[in-house]
Amino acid sequence: MSNVFIAFQANEDARPIVEAIIADNPHAVLVESPGLIKIDAPNELTIRRETVEEKLGRAFSLQEVQINLVTLSGYLDEDDDQMTLSWNH
């Protein structure tokens, strides 16, 4: 089993996205350090547009994830409703 991860700048814009990811991926582990928020998960991690919108209280395009994105690890599969990182491909 291999971990995937995604890391964001530690700022107020990224926090609702991180909260949504943790809500949708209870198996994920949050690692915070100065300036960086990293989320590790075994095998797969999914970001759902609908959950991010609930946390933000507004419409959200998954392309906005890239604004505060630092790095990621895993195969990325995305559409308008979700982004999934995995090693299953």
PDB file of N, CA and C in Angstrom:
ATOM      1  N   MET A   1       0.840  -1.173   0.000  1.00  0.00           N
ATOM      2  CA  MET A   1       0.000   0.000   0.000  1.00  0.00           C
ATOM      3  C   MET A   1       0.888   1.239   0.000  1.00  0.00           C
ATOM      4  N   SER A   2       0.624   2.154  -0.927  1.00  0.00           N
ATOM      5  CA  SER A   2       1.385   3.391  -1.017  1.00  0.00           C
ATOM      6  C   SER A   2       0.503   4.578  -0.682  1.00  0.00           C
ATOM      7  N   ASN A   3       1.114   5.567  -0.085  1.00  0.00           N
ATOM      8  CA  ASN A   3       0.377   6.786   0.240  1.00  0.00           C
ATOM      9  C   ASN A   3       0.369   7.748  -0.934  1.00  0.00           C
ATOM     10  N   VAL A   4      -0.736   8.475  -1.062  1.00  0.00           N
ATOM     11  CA  VAL A   4      -0.811   9.640  -1.928  1.00  0.00           C
ATOM     12  C   VAL A   4      -0.844  10.842  -0.996  1.00  0.00           C
ATOM     13  N   PHE A   5      -0.512  12.007  -1.520  1.00  0.00           N
ATOM     14  CA  PHE A   5      -0.631  13.201  -0.690  1.00  0.00           C
ATOM     15  C   PHE A   5      -0.868  14.427  -1.541  1.00  0.00           C
ATOM     16  N   ILE A   6      -1.383  15.449  -0.868  1.00  0.00           N
ATOM     17  CA  ILE A   6      -1.549  16.765  -1.464  1.00  0.00           C
ATOM     18  C   ILE A   6      -1.148  17.774  -0.403  1.00  0.00           C
ATOM     19  N   ALA A   7      -0.487  18.847  -0.815  1.00  0.00           N
ATOM     20  CA  ALA A   7      -0.026  19.861   0.134  1.00  0.00           C
ATOM     21  C   ALA A   7      -0.429  21.243  -0.359  1.00  0.00           C
ATOM     22  N   PHE A   8      -0.862  22.059   0.573  1.00  0.00           N
ATOM     23  CA  PHE A   8      -1.306  23.420   0.291  1.00  0.00           C
ATOM     24  C   PHE A   8      -0.527  24.429   1.121  1.00  0.00           C
ATOM     25  N   GLN A   9      -0.511  25.668   0.664  1.00  0.00           N
ATOM     26  CA  GLN A   9      -0.001  26.758   1.472  1.00  0.00           C
ATOM     27  C   GLN A   9      -0.903  26.864   2.705  1.00  0.00           C
ATOM     28  N   ALA A  10      -0.328  27.126   3.837  1.00  0.00           N
ATOM     29  CA  ALA A  10      -1.113  27.274   5.065  1.00  0.00           C
ATOM     30  C   ALA A  10      -1.639  28.701   5.128  1.00  0.00           C
ATOM     31  N   ASN A  11      -2.847  28.895   4.595  1.00  0.00           N
ATOM     32  CA  ASN A  11      -3.476  30.217   4.653  1.00  0.00           C
ATOM     33  C   ASN A  11      -4.985  30.048   4.767  1.00  0.00           C
ATOM     34  N   GLU A  12      -5.677  31.144   4.978  1.00  0.00           N
ATOM     35  CA  GLU A  12      -7.126  31.087   5.195  1.00  0.00           C
ATOM     36  C   GLU A  12      -7.886  30.625   3.956  1.00  0.00           C
ATOM     37  N   ASP A  13      -7.369  30.863   2.759  1.00  0.00           N
ATOM     38  CA  ASP A  13      -8.041  30.423   1.540  1.00  0.00           C
ATOM     39  C   ASP A  13      -8.024  28.904   1.405  1.00  0.00           C
ATOM     40  N   ALA A  14      -6.966  28.273   1.871  1.00  0.00           N
ATOM     41  CA  ALA A  14      -6.829  26.819   1.741  1.00  0.00           C
ATOM     42  C   ALA A  14      -7.576  26.055   2.836  1.00  0.00           C
ATOM     43  N   ARG A  15      -7.823  26.673   3.964  1.00  0.00           N
ATOM     44  CA  ARG A  15      -8.415  25.948   5.100  1.00  0.00           C
ATOM     45  C   ARG A  15      -9.755  25.276   4.794  1.00  0.00           C
ATOM     46  N   PRO A  16     -10.718  25.953   4.122  1.00  0.00           N
ATOM     47  CA  PRO A  16     -11.971  25.258   3.815  1.00  0.00           C
ATOM     48  C   PRO A  16     -11.776  24.072   2.876  1.00  0.00           C
ATOM     49  N   ILE A  17     -10.833  24.155   1.968  1.00  0.00           N
ATOM     50  CA  ILE A  17     -10.535  23.045   1.067  1.00  0.00           C
ATOM     51  C   ILE A  17      -9.990  21.870   1.865  1.00  0.00           C
ATOM     52  N   VAL A  18      -9.073  22.152   2.775  1.00  0.00           N
ATOM     53  CA  VAL A  18      -8.504  21.110   3.634  1.00  0.00           C
ATOM     54  C   VAL A  18      -9.597  20.485   4.502  1.00  0.00           C
ATOM     55  N   GLU A  19     -10.465  21.297   5.080  1.00  0.00           N
ATOM     56  CA  GLU A  19     -11.563  20.779   5.902  1.00  0.00           C
ATOM     57  C   GLU A  19     -12.461  19.849   5.089  1.00  0.00           C
ATOM     58  N   ALA A  20     -12.744  20.214   3.843  1.00  0.00           N
ATOM     59  CA  ALA A  20     -13.580  19.385   2.976  1.00  0.00           C
ATOM     60  C   ALA A  20     -12.897  18.056   2.657  1.00  0.00           C
ATOM     61  N   ILE A  21     -11.609  18.108   2.389  1.00  0.00           N
ATOM     62  CA  ILE A  21     -10.865  16.879   2.082  1.00  0.00           C
ATOM     63  C   ILE A  21     -10.889  15.938   3.281  1.00  0.00           C
ATOM     64  N   ILE A  22     -10.650  16.465   4.459  1.00  0.00           N
ATOM     65  CA  ILE A  22     -10.646  15.641   5.671  1.00  0.00           C
ATOM     66  C   ILE A  22     -12.047  15.073   5.932  1.00  0.00           C
ATOM     67  N   ALA A  23     -13.090  15.853   5.689  1.00  0.00           N
ATOM     68  CA  ALA A  23     -14.461  15.379   5.892  1.00  0.00           C
ATOM     69  C   ALA A  23     -14.794  14.213   4.962  1.00  0.00           C
ATOM     70  N   ASP A  24     -14.328  14.274   3.731  1.00  0.00           N
ATOM     71  CA  ASP A  24     -14.636  13.235   2.741  1.00  0.00           C
ATOM     72  C   ASP A  24     -13.682  12.047   2.769  1.00  0.00           C
ATOM     73  N   ASN A  25     -12.579  12.177   3.493  1.00  0.00           N
ATOM     74  CA  ASN A  25     -11.558  11.127   3.532  1.00  0.00           C
ATOM     75  C   ASN A  25     -11.158  10.854   4.978  1.00  0.00           C
ATOM     76  N   PRO A  26     -12.001  10.150   5.734  1.00  0.00           N
ATOM     77  CA  PRO A  26     -11.710   9.928   7.153  1.00  0.00           C
ATOM     78  C   PRO A  26     -10.426   9.134   7.401  1.00  0.00           C
ATOM     79  N   HIS A  27      -9.925   8.453   6.409  1.00  0.00           N
ATOM     80  CA  HIS A  27      -8.685   7.689   6.523  1.00  0.00           C
ATOM     81  C   HIS A  27      -7.439   8.571   6.341  1.00  0.00           C
ATOM     82  N   ALA A  28      -7.640   9.822   5.944  1.00  0.00           N
ATOM     83  CA  ALA A  28      -6.521  10.735   5.674  1.00  0.00           C
ATOM     84  C   ALA A  28      -5.903  11.258   6.965  1.00  0.00           C
ATOM     85  N   VAL A  29      -4.622  11.617   6.866  1.00  0.00           N
ATOM     86  CA  VAL A  29      -3.880  12.155   8.011  1.00  0.00           C
ATOM     87  C   VAL A  29      -3.431  13.565   7.663  1.00  0.00           C
ATOM     88  N   LEU A  30      -3.767  14.497   8.525  1.00  0.00           N
ATOM     89  CA  LEU A  30      -3.406  15.897   8.348  1.00  0.00           C
ATOM     90  C   LEU A  30      -2.079  16.178   9.038  1.00  0.00           C
ATOM     91  N   VAL A  31      -1.140  16.784   8.305  1.00  0.00           N
ATOM     92  CA  VAL A  31       0.165  17.137   8.860  1.00  0.00           C
ATOM     93  C   VAL A  31       0.361  18.635   8.615  1.00  0.00           C
ATOM     94  N   GLU A  32       0.411  19.397   9.700  1.00  0.00           N
ATOM     95  CA  GLU A  32       0.577  20.846   9.570  1.00  0.00           C
ATOM     96  C   GLU A  32       1.973  21.245  10.009  1.00  0.00           C
ATOM     97  N   SER A  33       2.568  22.141   9.246  1.00  0.00           N
ATOM     98  CA  SER A  33       3.850  22.720   9.599  1.00  0.00           C
ATOM     99  C   SER A  33       3.788  24.200   9.223  1.00  0.00           C
ATOM    100  N   PRO A  34       4.743  24.991   9.663  1.00  0.00           N
ATOM    101  CA  PRO A  34       4.703  26.411   9.318  1.00  0.00           C
ATOM    102  C   PRO A  34       4.689  26.602   7.800  1.00  0.00           C
ATOM    103  N   GLY A  35       3.634  27.222   7.317  1.00  0.00           N
ATOM    104  CA  GLY A  35       3.536  27.540   5.905  1.00  0.00           C
ATOM    105  C   GLY A  35       2.992  26.445   5.015  1.00  0.00           C
ATOM    106  N   LEU A  36       2.758  25.228   5.563  1.00  0.00           N
ATOM    107  CA  LEU A  36       2.349  24.109   4.724  1.00  0.00           C
ATOM    108  C   LEU A  36       1.338  23.210   5.438  1.00  0.00           C
ATOM    109  N   ILE A  37       0.311  22.792   4.710  1.00  0.00           N
ATOM    110  CA  ILE A  37      -0.652  21.815   5.204  1.00  0.00           C
ATOM    111  C   ILE A  37      -0.606  20.638   4.248  1.00  0.00           C
ATOM    112  N   LYS A  38      -0.250  19.462   4.746  1.00  0.00           N
ATOM    113  CA  LYS A  38      -0.131  18.264   3.923  1.00  0.00           C
ATOM    114  C   LYS A  38      -1.166  17.240   4.378  1.00  0.00           C
ATOM    115  N   ILE A  39      -1.793  16.587   3.406  1.00  0.00           N
ATOM    116  CA  ILE A  39      -2.767  15.546   3.703  1.00  0.00           C
ATOM    117  C   ILE A  39      -2.281  14.252   3.056  1.00  0.00           C
ATOM    118  N   ASP A  40      -2.002  13.252   3.870  1.00  0.00           N
ATOM    119  CA  ASP A  40      -1.570  11.924   3.420  1.00  0.00           C
ATOM    120  C   ASP A  40      -2.737  10.952   3.516  1.00  0.00           C
ATOM    121  N   ALA A  41      -2.786  10.007   2.573  1.00  0.00           N
ATOM    122  CA  ALA A  41      -3.813   8.970   2.628  1.00  0.00           C
ATOM    123  C   ALA A  41      -3.299   7.699   1.966  1.00  0.00           C
ATOM    124  N   PRO A  42      -3.646   6.562   2.525  1.00  0.00           N
ATOM    125  CA  PRO A  42      -3.261   5.310   1.880  1.00  0.00           C
ATOM    126  C   PRO A  42      -4.092   5.091   0.607  1.00  0.00           C
ATOM    127  N   ASN A  43      -3.400   4.870  -0.482  1.00  0.00           N
ATOM    128  CA  ASN A  43      -3.985   4.503  -1.781  1.00  0.00           C
ATOM    129  C   ASN A  43      -4.786   5.570  -2.517  1.00  0.00           C
ATOM    130  N   GLU A  44      -5.677   6.307  -1.845  1.00  0.00           N
ATOM    131  CA  GLU A  44      -6.569   7.209  -2.581  1.00  0.00           C
ATOM    132  C   GLU A  44      -7.017   8.382  -1.729  1.00  0.00           C
ATOM    133  N   LEU A  45      -7.198   9.532  -2.391  1.00  0.00           N
ATOM    134  CA  LEU A  45      -7.676  10.742  -1.737  1.00  0.00           C
ATOM    135  C   LEU A  45      -8.571  11.464  -2.733  1.00  0.00           C
ATOM    136  N   THR A  46      -9.781  11.837  -2.303  1.00  0.00           N
ATOM    137  CA  THR A  46     -10.732  12.486  -3.206  1.00  0.00           C
ATOM    138  C   THR A  46     -11.116  13.867  -2.691  1.00  0.00           C
ATOM    139  N   ILE A  47     -11.145  14.830  -3.601  1.00  0.00           N
ATOM    140  CA  ILE A  47     -11.616  16.183  -3.316  1.00  0.00           C
ATOM    141  C   ILE A  47     -12.936  16.337  -4.067  1.00  0.00           C
ATOM    142  N   ARG A  48     -14.015  16.568  -3.332  1.00  0.00           N
ATOM    143  CA  ARG A  48     -15.335  16.709  -3.940  1.00  0.00           C
ATOM    144  C   ARG A  48     -15.749  18.181  -3.970  1.00  0.00           C
ATOM    145  N   ARG A  49     -16.123  18.642  -5.147  1.00  0.00           N
ATOM    146  CA  ARG A  49     -16.543  20.033  -5.329  1.00  0.00           C
ATOM    147  C   ARG A  49     -17.682  20.394  -4.385  1.00  0.00           C
ATOM    148  N   GLU A  50     -18.664  19.526  -4.284  1.00  0.00           N
ATOM    149  CA  GLU A  50     -19.836  19.790  -3.462  1.00  0.00           C
ATOM    150  C   GLU A  50     -19.471  20.029  -1.992  1.00  0.00           C
ATOM    151  N   THR A  51     -18.570  19.248  -1.456  1.00  0.00           N
ATOM    152  CA  THR A  51     -18.152  19.409  -0.055  1.00  0.00           C
ATOM    153  C   THR A  51     -17.383  20.705   0.131  1.00  0.00           C
ATOM    154  N   VAL A  52     -16.516  21.039  -0.813  1.00  0.00           N
ATOM    155  CA  VAL A  52     -15.772  22.306  -0.723  1.00  0.00           C
ATOM    156  C   VAL A  52     -16.756  23.472  -0.759  1.00  0.00           C
ATOM    157  N   GLU A  53     -17.750  23.408  -1.621  1.00  0.00           N
ATOM    158  CA  GLU A  53     -18.754  24.473  -1.691  1.00  0.00           C
ATOM    159  C   GLU A  53     -19.500  24.631  -0.375  1.00  0.00           C
ATOM    160  N   GLU A  54     -19.813  23.517   0.284  1.00  0.00           N
ATOM    161  CA  GLU A  54     -20.474  23.582   1.592  1.00  0.00           C
ATOM    162  C   GLU A  54     -19.603  24.290   2.611  1.00  0.00           C
ATOM    163  N   LYS A  55     -18.310  23.982   2.614  1.00  0.00           N
ATOM    164  CA  LYS A  55     -17.384  24.603   3.576  1.00  0.00           C
ATOM    165  C   LYS A  55     -17.153  26.083   3.258  1.00  0.00           C
ATOM    166  N   LEU A  56     -17.100  26.424   1.971  1.00  0.00           N
ATOM    167  CA  LEU A  56     -16.859  27.807   1.554  1.00  0.00           C
ATOM    168  C   LEU A  56     -18.116  28.673   1.604  1.00  0.00           C
ATOM    169  N   GLY A  57     -19.271  28.054   1.384  1.00  0.00           N
ATOM    170  CA  GLY A  57     -20.507  28.808   1.322  1.00  0.00           C
ATOM    171  C   GLY A  57     -20.694  29.535  -0.004  1.00  0.00           C
ATOM    172  N   ARG A  58     -20.060  29.025  -1.057  1.00  0.00           N
ATOM    173  CA  ARG A  58     -20.179  29.628  -2.387  1.00  0.00           C
ATOM    174  C   ARG A  58     -19.847  28.577  -3.439  1.00  0.00           C
ATOM    175  N   ALA A  59     -20.128  28.930  -4.698  1.00  0.00           N
ATOM    176  CA  ALA A  59     -19.771  28.041  -5.805  1.00  0.00           C
ATOM    177  C   ALA A  59     -18.245  27.922  -5.881  1.00  0.00           C
ATOM    178  N   PHE A  60     -17.787  26.759  -6.310  1.00  0.00           N
ATOM    179  CA  PHE A  60     -16.346  26.487  -6.344  1.00  0.00           C
ATOM    180  C   PHE A  60     -16.021  25.645  -7.567  1.00  0.00           C
ATOM    181  N   SER A  61     -15.007  26.047  -8.292  1.00  0.00           N
ATOM    182  CA  SER A  61     -14.484  25.251  -9.392  1.00  0.00           C
ATOM    183  C   SER A  61     -13.257  24.502  -8.877  1.00  0.00           C
ATOM    184  N   LEU A  62     -13.145  23.235  -9.180  1.00  0.00           N
ATOM    185  CA  LEU A  62     -11.993  22.463  -8.711  1.00  0.00           C
ATOM    186  C   LEU A  62     -10.670  23.024  -9.225  1.00  0.00           C
ATOM    187  N   GLN A  63     -10.694  23.787 -10.282  1.00  0.00           N
ATOM    188  CA  GLN A  63      -9.472  24.420 -10.774  1.00  0.00           C
ATOM    189  C   GLN A  63      -8.897  25.399  -9.744  1.00  0.00           C
ATOM    190  N   GLU A  64      -9.740  25.906  -8.845  1.00  0.00           N
ATOM    191  CA  GLU A  64      -9.288  26.822  -7.796  1.00  0.00           C
ATOM    192  C   GLU A  64      -8.352  26.145  -6.798  1.00  0.00           C
ATOM    193  N   VAL A  65      -8.365  24.830  -6.742  1.00  0.00           N
ATOM    194  CA  VAL A  65      -7.451  24.094  -5.863  1.00  0.00           C
ATOM    195  C   VAL A  65      -6.013  24.488  -6.172  1.00  0.00           C
ATOM    196  N   GLN A  66      -5.727  24.745  -7.429  1.00  0.00           N
ATOM    197  CA  GLN A  66      -4.362  25.025  -7.862  1.00  0.00           C
ATOM    198  C   GLN A  66      -3.806  26.352  -7.335  1.00  0.00           C
ATOM    199  N   ILE A  67      -4.657  27.252  -6.909  1.00  0.00           N
ATOM    200  CA  ILE A  67      -4.197  28.562  -6.419  1.00  0.00           C
ATOM    201  C   ILE A  67      -3.276  28.415  -5.213  1.00  0.00           C
ATOM    202  N   ASN A  68      -3.632  27.533  -4.289  1.00  0.00           N
ATOM    203  CA  ASN A  68      -2.850  27.349  -3.062  1.00  0.00           C
ATOM    204  C   ASN A  68      -2.119  26.013  -3.004  1.00  0.00           C
ATOM    205  N   LEU A  69      -2.136  25.279  -4.111  1.00  0.00           N
ATOM    206  CA  LEU A  69      -1.481  23.979  -4.179  1.00  0.00           C
ATOM    207  C   LEU A  69       0.037  24.140  -4.204  1.00  0.00           C
ATOM    208  N   VAL A  70       0.718  23.354  -3.380  1.00  0.00           N
ATOM    209  CA  VAL A  70       2.180  23.341  -3.374  1.00  0.00           C
ATOM    210  C   VAL A  70       2.682  22.137  -4.167  1.00  0.00           C
ATOM    211  N   THR A  71       2.184  20.959  -3.841  1.00  0.00           N
ATOM    212  CA  THR A  71       2.604  19.743  -4.539  1.00  0.00           C
ATOM    213  C   THR A  71       1.590  18.638  -4.284  1.00  0.00           C
ATOM    214  N   LEU A  72       1.701  17.588  -5.077  1.00  0.00           N
ATOM    215  CA  LEU A  72       0.867  16.407  -4.874  1.00  0.00           C
ATOM    216  C   LEU A  72       1.629  15.184  -5.358  1.00  0.00           C
ATOM    217  N   SER A  73       1.185  14.024  -4.888  1.00  0.00           N
ATOM    218  CA  SER A  73       1.812  12.771  -5.285  1.00  0.00           C
ATOM    219  C   SER A  73       0.726  11.744  -5.541  1.00  0.00           C
ATOM    220  N   GLY A  74       0.723  11.173  -6.738  1.00  0.00           N
ATOM    221  CA  GLY A  74      -0.267  10.185  -7.120  1.00  0.00           C
ATOM    222  C   GLY A  74      -0.774  10.474  -8.504  1.00  0.00           C
ATOM    223  N   TYR A  75      -1.475   9.525  -9.065  1.00  0.00           N
ATOM    224  CA  TYR A  75      -2.108   9.679 -10.362  1.00  0.00           C
ATOM    225  C   TYR A  75      -3.358  10.530 -10.160  1.00  0.00           C
ATOM    226  N   LEU A  76      -3.518  11.590 -10.934  1.00  0.00           N
ATOM    227  CA  LEU A  76      -4.638  12.516 -10.791  1.00  0.00           C
ATOM    228  C   LEU A  76      -5.703  12.221 -11.833  1.00  0.00           C
ATOM    229  N   ASP A  77      -6.917  11.996 -11.371  1.00  0.00           N
ATOM    230  CA  ASP A  77      -8.075  11.803 -12.233  1.00  0.00           C
ATOM    231  C   ASP A  77      -9.091  12.859 -11.813  1.00  0.00           C
ATOM    232  N   GLU A  78      -9.540  13.676 -12.764  1.00  0.00           N
ATOM    233  CA  GLU A  78     -10.458  14.743 -12.378  1.00  0.00           C
ATOM    234  C   GLU A  78     -11.544  14.966 -13.415  1.00  0.00           C
ATOM    235  N   ASP A  79     -12.676  15.466 -12.919  1.00  0.00           N
ATOM    236  CA  ASP A  79     -13.750  15.952 -13.755  1.00  0.00           C
ATOM    237  C   ASP A  79     -14.318  17.194 -13.063  1.00  0.00           C
ATOM    238  N   ASP A  80     -15.486  17.655 -13.460  1.00  0.00           N
ATOM    239  CA  ASP A  80     -16.033  18.882 -12.870  1.00  0.00           C
ATOM    240  C   ASP A  80     -16.475  18.717 -11.423  1.00  0.00           C
ATOM    241  N   ASP A  81     -16.706  17.483 -10.979  1.00  0.00           N
ATOM    242  CA  ASP A  81     -17.244  17.247  -9.647  1.00  0.00           C
ATOM    243  C   ASP A  81     -16.266  16.731  -8.615  1.00  0.00           C
ATOM    244  N   GLN A  82     -15.160  16.115  -9.056  1.00  0.00           N
ATOM    245  CA  GLN A  82     -14.193  15.622  -8.079  1.00  0.00           C
ATOM    246  C   GLN A  82     -12.819  15.415  -8.696  1.00  0.00           C
ATOM    247  N   MET A  83     -11.836  15.447  -7.809  1.00  0.00           N
ATOM    248  CA  MET A  83     -10.450  15.132  -8.149  1.00  0.00           C
ATOM    249  C   MET A  83     -10.051  13.960  -7.263  1.00  0.00           C
ATOM    250  N   THR A  84      -9.413  12.945  -7.867  1.00  0.00           N
ATOM    251  CA  THR A  84      -8.977  11.801  -7.074  1.00  0.00           C
ATOM    252  C   THR A  84      -7.505  11.529  -7.356  1.00  0.00           C
ATOM    253  N   LEU A  85      -6.734  11.431  -6.276  1.00  0.00           N
ATOM    254  CA  LEU A  85      -5.337  11.021  -6.346  1.00  0.00           C
ATOM    255  C   LEU A  85      -5.292   9.551  -5.949  1.00  0.00           C
ATOM    256  N   SER A  86      -4.577   8.751  -6.736  1.00  0.00           N
ATOM    257  CA  SER A  86      -4.467   7.336  -6.392  1.00  0.00           C
ATOM    258  C   SER A  86      -3.212   6.752  -7.034  1.00  0.00           C
ATOM    259  N   TRP A  87      -2.893   5.519  -6.660  1.00  0.00           N
ATOM    260  CA  TRP A  87      -1.819   4.756  -7.299  1.00  0.00           C
ATOM    261  C   TRP A  87      -2.398   3.529  -7.981  1.00  0.00           C
ATOM    262  N   ASN A  88      -3.700   3.505  -8.196  1.00  0.00           N
ATOM    263  CA  ASN A  88      -4.369   2.343  -8.770  1.00  0.00           C
ATOM    264  C   ASN A  88      -4.344   2.313 -10.294  1.00  0.00           C
ATOM    265  N   HIS A  89      -3.725   3.274 -10.942  1.00  0.00           N
ATOM    266  CA  HIS A  89      -3.739   3.340 -12.414  1.00  0.00           C
ATOM    267  C   HIS A  89      -2.378   3.029 -12.979  1.00  0.00           C
TER     268      HIS A  89
END
